[in-house]
């Protein structure tokens, strides 16, 4: 996972609200989301499905 080391993945407010186990899960989920956003962007191109010609 590269590209978001400088971003705040877990805010202080979230960290204060969550227990240590929840923080781990929350941070992993946010990192996955950030990785997806950095790869595909905010508005990814839709996948065009080709219909079979009848």
PDB file of N, CA and C in Angstrom:
ATOM      1  N   UNK A   1       0.850  -1.183   0.000  1.00  0.00           N
ATOM      2  CA  UNK A   1       0.000   0.000   0.000  1.00  0.00           C
ATOM      3  C   UNK A   1       0.889   1.236   0.000  1.00  0.00           C
ATOM      4  N   UNK A   2       0.863   1.937  -1.078  1.00  0.00           N
ATOM      5  CA  UNK A   2       1.705   3.117  -1.178  1.00  0.00           C
ATOM      6  C   UNK A   2       0.867   4.307  -1.601  1.00  0.00           C
ATOM      7  N   UNK A   3       1.371   5.487  -1.302  1.00  0.00           N
ATOM      8  CA  UNK A   3       0.725   6.695  -1.771  1.00  0.00           C
ATOM      9  C   UNK A   3      -0.082   7.441  -0.736  1.00  0.00           C
ATOM     10  N   UNK A   4      -0.431   6.840   0.378  1.00  0.00           N
ATOM     11  CA  UNK A   4      -1.224   7.561   1.371  1.00  0.00           C
ATOM     12  C   UNK A   4      -0.600   7.535   2.756  1.00  0.00           C
ATOM     13  N   UNK A   5       0.697   7.343   2.829  1.00  0.00           N
ATOM     14  CA  UNK A   5       1.376   7.343   4.116  1.00  0.00           C
ATOM     15  C   UNK A   5       1.260   8.701   4.818  1.00  0.00           C
ATOM     16  N   UNK A   6       1.148   9.777   4.030  1.00  0.00           N
ATOM     17  CA  UNK A   6       1.054  11.119   4.611  1.00  0.00           C
ATOM     18  C   UNK A   6      -0.368  11.500   4.993  1.00  0.00           C
ATOM     19  N   UNK A   7      -1.352  10.685   4.639  1.00  0.00           N
ATOM     20  CA  UNK A   7      -2.752  10.991   4.933  1.00  0.00           C
ATOM     21  C   UNK A   7      -3.139  10.460   6.308  1.00  0.00           C
ATOM     22  N   UNK A   8      -4.036  11.173   6.969  1.00  0.00           N
ATOM     23  CA  UNK A   8      -4.546  10.729   8.255  1.00  0.00           C
ATOM     24  C   UNK A   8      -5.650   9.705   8.018  1.00  0.00           C
ATOM     25  N   UNK A   9      -5.348   8.448   8.286  1.00  0.00           N
ATOM     26  CA  UNK A   9      -6.312   7.378   8.053  1.00  0.00           C
ATOM     27  C   UNK A   9      -7.269   7.258   9.231  1.00  0.00           C
ATOM     28  N   UNK A  10      -6.759   7.445  10.425  1.00  0.00           N
ATOM     29  CA  UNK A  10      -7.559   7.324  11.639  1.00  0.00           C
ATOM     30  C   UNK A  10      -7.520   8.655  12.380  1.00  0.00           C
ATOM     31  N   UNK A  11      -8.654   9.339  12.417  1.00  0.00           N
ATOM     32  CA  UNK A  11      -8.703  10.642  13.078  1.00  0.00           C
ATOM     33  C   UNK A  11      -8.692  10.462  14.594  1.00  0.00           C
ATOM     34  N   UNK A  12      -8.350  11.522  15.305  1.00  0.00           N
ATOM     35  CA  UNK A  12      -8.324  11.458  16.769  1.00  0.00           C
ATOM     36  C   UNK A  12      -9.710  11.174  17.335  1.00  0.00           C
ATOM     37  N   UNK A  13     -10.729  11.778  16.728  1.00  0.00           N
ATOM     38  CA  UNK A  13     -12.098  11.560  17.206  1.00  0.00           C
ATOM     39  C   UNK A  13     -12.507  10.099  17.044  1.00  0.00           C
ATOM     40  N   UNK A  14     -12.156   9.506  15.913  1.00  0.00           N
ATOM     41  CA  UNK A  14     -12.476   8.098  15.678  1.00  0.00           C
ATOM     42  C   UNK A  14     -11.694   7.200  16.625  1.00  0.00           C
ATOM     43  N   UNK A  15     -10.433   7.497  16.813  1.00  0.00           N
ATOM     44  CA  UNK A  15      -9.587   6.696  17.695  1.00  0.00           C
ATOM     45  C   UNK A  15     -10.099   6.735  19.132  1.00  0.00           C
ATOM     46  N   UNK A  16     -10.592   7.876  19.566  1.00  0.00           N
ATOM     47  CA  UNK A  16     -11.108   8.003  20.928  1.00  0.00           C
ATOM     48  C   UNK A  16     -12.401   7.218  21.112  1.00  0.00           C
ATOM     49  N   UNK A  17     -13.185   7.104  20.050  1.00  0.00           N
ATOM     50  CA  UNK A  17     -14.483   6.438  20.123  1.00  0.00           C
ATOM     51  C   UNK A  17     -14.363   4.917  20.052  1.00  0.00           C
ATOM     52  N   UNK A  18     -13.367   4.418  19.313  1.00  0.00           N
ATOM     53  CA  UNK A  18     -13.238   2.986  19.063  1.00  0.00           C
ATOM     54  C   UNK A  18     -12.285   2.307  20.033  1.00  0.00           C
ATOM     55  N   UNK A  19     -12.537   1.029  20.288  1.00  0.00           N
ATOM     56  CA  UNK A  19     -11.588   0.261  21.104  1.00  0.00           C
ATOM     57  C   UNK A  19     -10.438  -0.189  20.193  1.00  0.00           C
ATOM     58  N   UNK A  20      -9.334  -0.691  20.769  1.00  0.00           N
ATOM     59  CA  UNK A  20      -8.161  -1.035  19.947  1.00  0.00           C
ATOM     60  C   UNK A  20      -8.451  -2.015  18.808  1.00  0.00           C
ATOM     61  N   UNK A  21      -9.279  -2.998  19.049  1.00  0.00           N
ATOM     62  CA  UNK A  21      -9.607  -3.969  18.005  1.00  0.00           C
ATOM     63  C   UNK A  21     -10.412  -3.311  16.876  1.00  0.00           C
ATOM     64  N   UNK A  22     -11.354  -2.450  17.239  1.00  0.00           N
ATOM     65  CA  UNK A  22     -12.140  -1.735  16.236  1.00  0.00           C
ATOM     66  C   UNK A  22     -11.263  -0.771  15.440  1.00  0.00           C
ATOM     67  N   UNK A  23     -10.297  -0.140  16.116  1.00  0.00           N
ATOM     68  CA  UNK A  23      -9.383   0.781  15.430  1.00  0.00           C
ATOM     69  C   UNK A  23      -8.608   0.065  14.331  1.00  0.00           C
ATOM     70  N   UNK A  24      -8.139  -1.138  14.636  1.00  0.00           N
ATOM     71  CA  UNK A  24      -7.397  -1.930  13.654  1.00  0.00           C
ATOM     72  C   UNK A  24      -8.259  -2.200  12.417  1.00  0.00           C
ATOM     73  N   UNK A  25      -9.482  -2.646  12.641  1.00  0.00           N
ATOM     74  CA  UNK A  25     -10.392  -2.961  11.553  1.00  0.00           C
ATOM     75  C   UNK A  25     -10.763  -1.707  10.763  1.00  0.00           C
ATOM     76  N   UNK A  26     -11.050  -0.627  11.474  1.00  0.00           N
ATOM     77  CA  UNK A  26     -11.425   0.638  10.851  1.00  0.00           C
ATOM     78  C   UNK A  26     -10.287   1.181   9.988  1.00  0.00           C
ATOM     79  N   UNK A  27      -9.068   1.113  10.517  1.00  0.00           N
ATOM     80  CA  UNK A  27      -7.904   1.603   9.781  1.00  0.00           C
ATOM     81  C   UNK A  27      -7.675   0.782   8.514  1.00  0.00           C
ATOM     82  N   UNK A  28      -7.801  -0.536   8.613  1.00  0.00           N
ATOM     83  CA  UNK A  28      -7.623  -1.401   7.437  1.00  0.00           C
ATOM     84  C   UNK A  28      -8.675  -1.095   6.378  1.00  0.00           C
ATOM     85  N   UNK A  29      -9.914  -0.884   6.797  1.00  0.00           N
ATOM     86  CA  UNK A  29     -10.992  -0.559   5.856  1.00  0.00           C
ATOM     87  C   UNK A  29     -10.732   0.776   5.166  1.00  0.00           C
ATOM     88  N   UNK A  30     -10.301   1.757   5.933  1.00  0.00           N
ATOM     89  CA  UNK A  30     -10.002   3.074   5.354  1.00  0.00           C
ATOM     90  C   UNK A  30      -8.819   3.003   4.392  1.00  0.00           C
ATOM     91  N   UNK A  31      -7.793   2.215   4.731  1.00  0.00           N
ATOM     92  CA  UNK A  31      -6.637   2.069   3.849  1.00  0.00           C
ATOM     93  C   UNK A  31      -7.044   1.410   2.533  1.00  0.00           C
ATOM     94  N   UNK A  32      -7.917   0.393   2.600  1.00  0.00           N
ATOM     95  CA  UNK A  32      -8.405  -0.251   1.378  1.00  0.00           C
ATOM     96  C   UNK A  32      -9.177   0.736   0.518  1.00  0.00           C
ATOM     97  N   UNK A  33      -9.997   1.548   1.147  1.00  0.00           N
ATOM     98  CA  UNK A  33     -10.773   2.553   0.424  1.00  0.00           C
ATOM     99  C   UNK A  33      -9.850   3.580  -0.223  1.00  0.00           C
ATOM    100  N   UNK A  34      -8.870   4.057   0.513  1.00  0.00           N
ATOM    101  CA  UNK A  34      -7.927   5.036  -0.033  1.00  0.00           C
ATOM    102  C   UNK A  34      -7.114   4.456  -1.179  1.00  0.00           C
ATOM    103  N   UNK A  35      -6.721   3.192  -1.051  1.00  0.00           N
ATOM    104  CA  UNK A  35      -5.974   2.544  -2.129  1.00  0.00           C
ATOM    105  C   UNK A  35      -6.835   2.469  -3.389  1.00  0.00           C
ATOM    106  N   UNK A  36      -8.114   2.138  -3.232  1.00  0.00           N
ATOM    107  CA  UNK A  36      -9.033   2.075  -4.368  1.00  0.00           C
ATOM    108  C   UNK A  36      -9.186   3.458  -4.996  1.00  0.00           C
ATOM    109  N   UNK A  37      -9.382   4.482  -4.163  1.00  0.00           N
ATOM    110  CA  UNK A  37      -9.536   5.841  -4.677  1.00  0.00           C
ATOM    111  C   UNK A  37      -8.294   6.323  -5.408  1.00  0.00           C
ATOM    112  N   UNK A  38      -7.113   6.010  -4.865  1.00  0.00           N
ATOM    113  CA  UNK A  38      -5.875   6.421  -5.517  1.00  0.00           C
ATOM    114  C   UNK A  38      -5.644   5.668  -6.827  1.00  0.00           C
ATOM    115  N   UNK A  39      -6.186   4.456  -6.934  1.00  0.00           N
ATOM    116  CA  UNK A  39      -6.029   3.668  -8.148  1.00  0.00           C
ATOM    117  C   UNK A  39      -7.037   4.065  -9.223  1.00  0.00           C
ATOM    118  N   UNK A  40      -8.311   4.162  -8.857  1.00  0.00           N
ATOM    119  CA  UNK A  40      -9.371   4.378  -9.836  1.00  0.00           C
ATOM    120  C   UNK A  40      -9.916   5.801  -9.867  1.00  0.00           C
ATOM    121  N   UNK A  41      -9.734   6.550  -8.791  1.00  0.00           N
ATOM    122  CA  UNK A  41     -10.224   7.918  -8.740  1.00  0.00           C
ATOM    123  C   UNK A  41     -11.652   8.007  -8.228  1.00  0.00           C
ATOM    124  N   UNK A  42     -12.119   9.235  -8.098  1.00  0.00           N
ATOM    125  CA  UNK A  42     -13.450   9.487  -7.548  1.00  0.00           C
ATOM    126  C   UNK A  42     -14.545   9.036  -8.505  1.00  0.00           C
ATOM    127  N   UNK A  43     -14.347   9.246  -9.797  1.00  0.00           N
ATOM    128  CA  UNK A  43     -15.347   8.894 -10.807  1.00  0.00           C
ATOM    129  C   UNK A  43     -14.761   7.893 -11.789  1.00  0.00           C
ATOM    130  N   UNK A  44     -14.704   6.605 -11.410  1.00  0.00           N
ATOM    131  CA  UNK A  44     -14.117   5.614 -12.322  1.00  0.00           C
ATOM    132  C   UNK A  44     -14.979   5.435 -13.566  1.00  0.00           C
ATOM    133  N   UNK A  45     -14.341   5.035 -14.645  1.00  0.00           N
ATOM    134  CA  UNK A  45     -15.064   4.794 -15.883  1.00  0.00           C
ATOM    135  C   UNK A  45     -15.934   3.550 -15.711  1.00  0.00           C
ATOM    136  N   UNK A  46     -17.196   3.638 -16.127  1.00  0.00           N
ATOM    137  CA  UNK A  46     -18.058   2.458 -16.006  1.00  0.00           C
ATOM    138  C   UNK A  46     -17.600   1.356 -16.959  1.00  0.00           C
ATOM    139  N   UNK A  47     -17.855   0.151 -16.554  1.00  0.00           N
ATOM    140  CA  UNK A  47     -17.512  -0.993 -17.387  1.00  0.00           C
ATOM    141  C   UNK A  47     -18.644  -1.191 -18.385  1.00  0.00           C
ATOM    142  N   UNK A  48     -18.325  -1.200 -19.663  1.00  0.00           N
ATOM    143  CA  UNK A  48     -19.328  -1.413 -20.698  1.00  0.00           C
ATOM    144  C   UNK A  48     -19.491  -2.909 -20.933  1.00  0.00           C
ATOM    145  N   UNK A  49     -20.701  -3.369 -20.797  1.00  0.00           N
ATOM    146  CA  UNK A  49     -20.989  -4.772 -21.062  1.00  0.00           C
ATOM    147  C   UNK A  49     -21.476  -4.879 -22.499  1.00  0.00           C
ATOM    148  N   UNK A  50     -20.886  -5.757 -23.241  1.00  0.00           N
ATOM    149  CA  UNK A  50     -21.257  -5.946 -24.641  1.00  0.00           C
ATOM    150  C   UNK A  50     -22.389  -6.957 -24.696  1.00  0.00           C
ATOM    151  N   UNK A  51     -23.492  -6.561 -25.308  1.00  0.00           N
ATOM    152  CA  UNK A  51     -24.632  -7.476 -25.455  1.00  0.00           C
ATOM    153  C   UNK A  51     -24.400  -8.364 -26.654  1.00  0.00           C
ATOM    154  N   UNK A  52     -24.792  -9.593 -26.527  1.00  0.00           N
ATOM    155  CA  UNK A  52     -24.708 -10.512 -27.660  1.00  0.00           C
ATOM    156  C   UNK A  52     -25.715 -10.093 -28.726  1.00  0.00           C
ATOM    157  N   UNK A  53     -25.253 -10.095 -29.962  1.00  0.00           N
ATOM    158  CA  UNK A  53     -26.145  -9.756 -31.066  1.00  0.00           C
ATOM    159  C   UNK A  53     -27.030 -10.962 -31.351  1.00  0.00           C
ATOM    160  N   UNK A  54     -28.294 -10.699 -31.556  1.00  0.00           N
ATOM    161  CA  UNK A  54     -29.234 -11.793 -31.815  1.00  0.00           C
ATOM    162  C   UNK A  54     -29.392 -12.025 -33.287  1.00  0.00           C
TER     163      UNK A  54
END
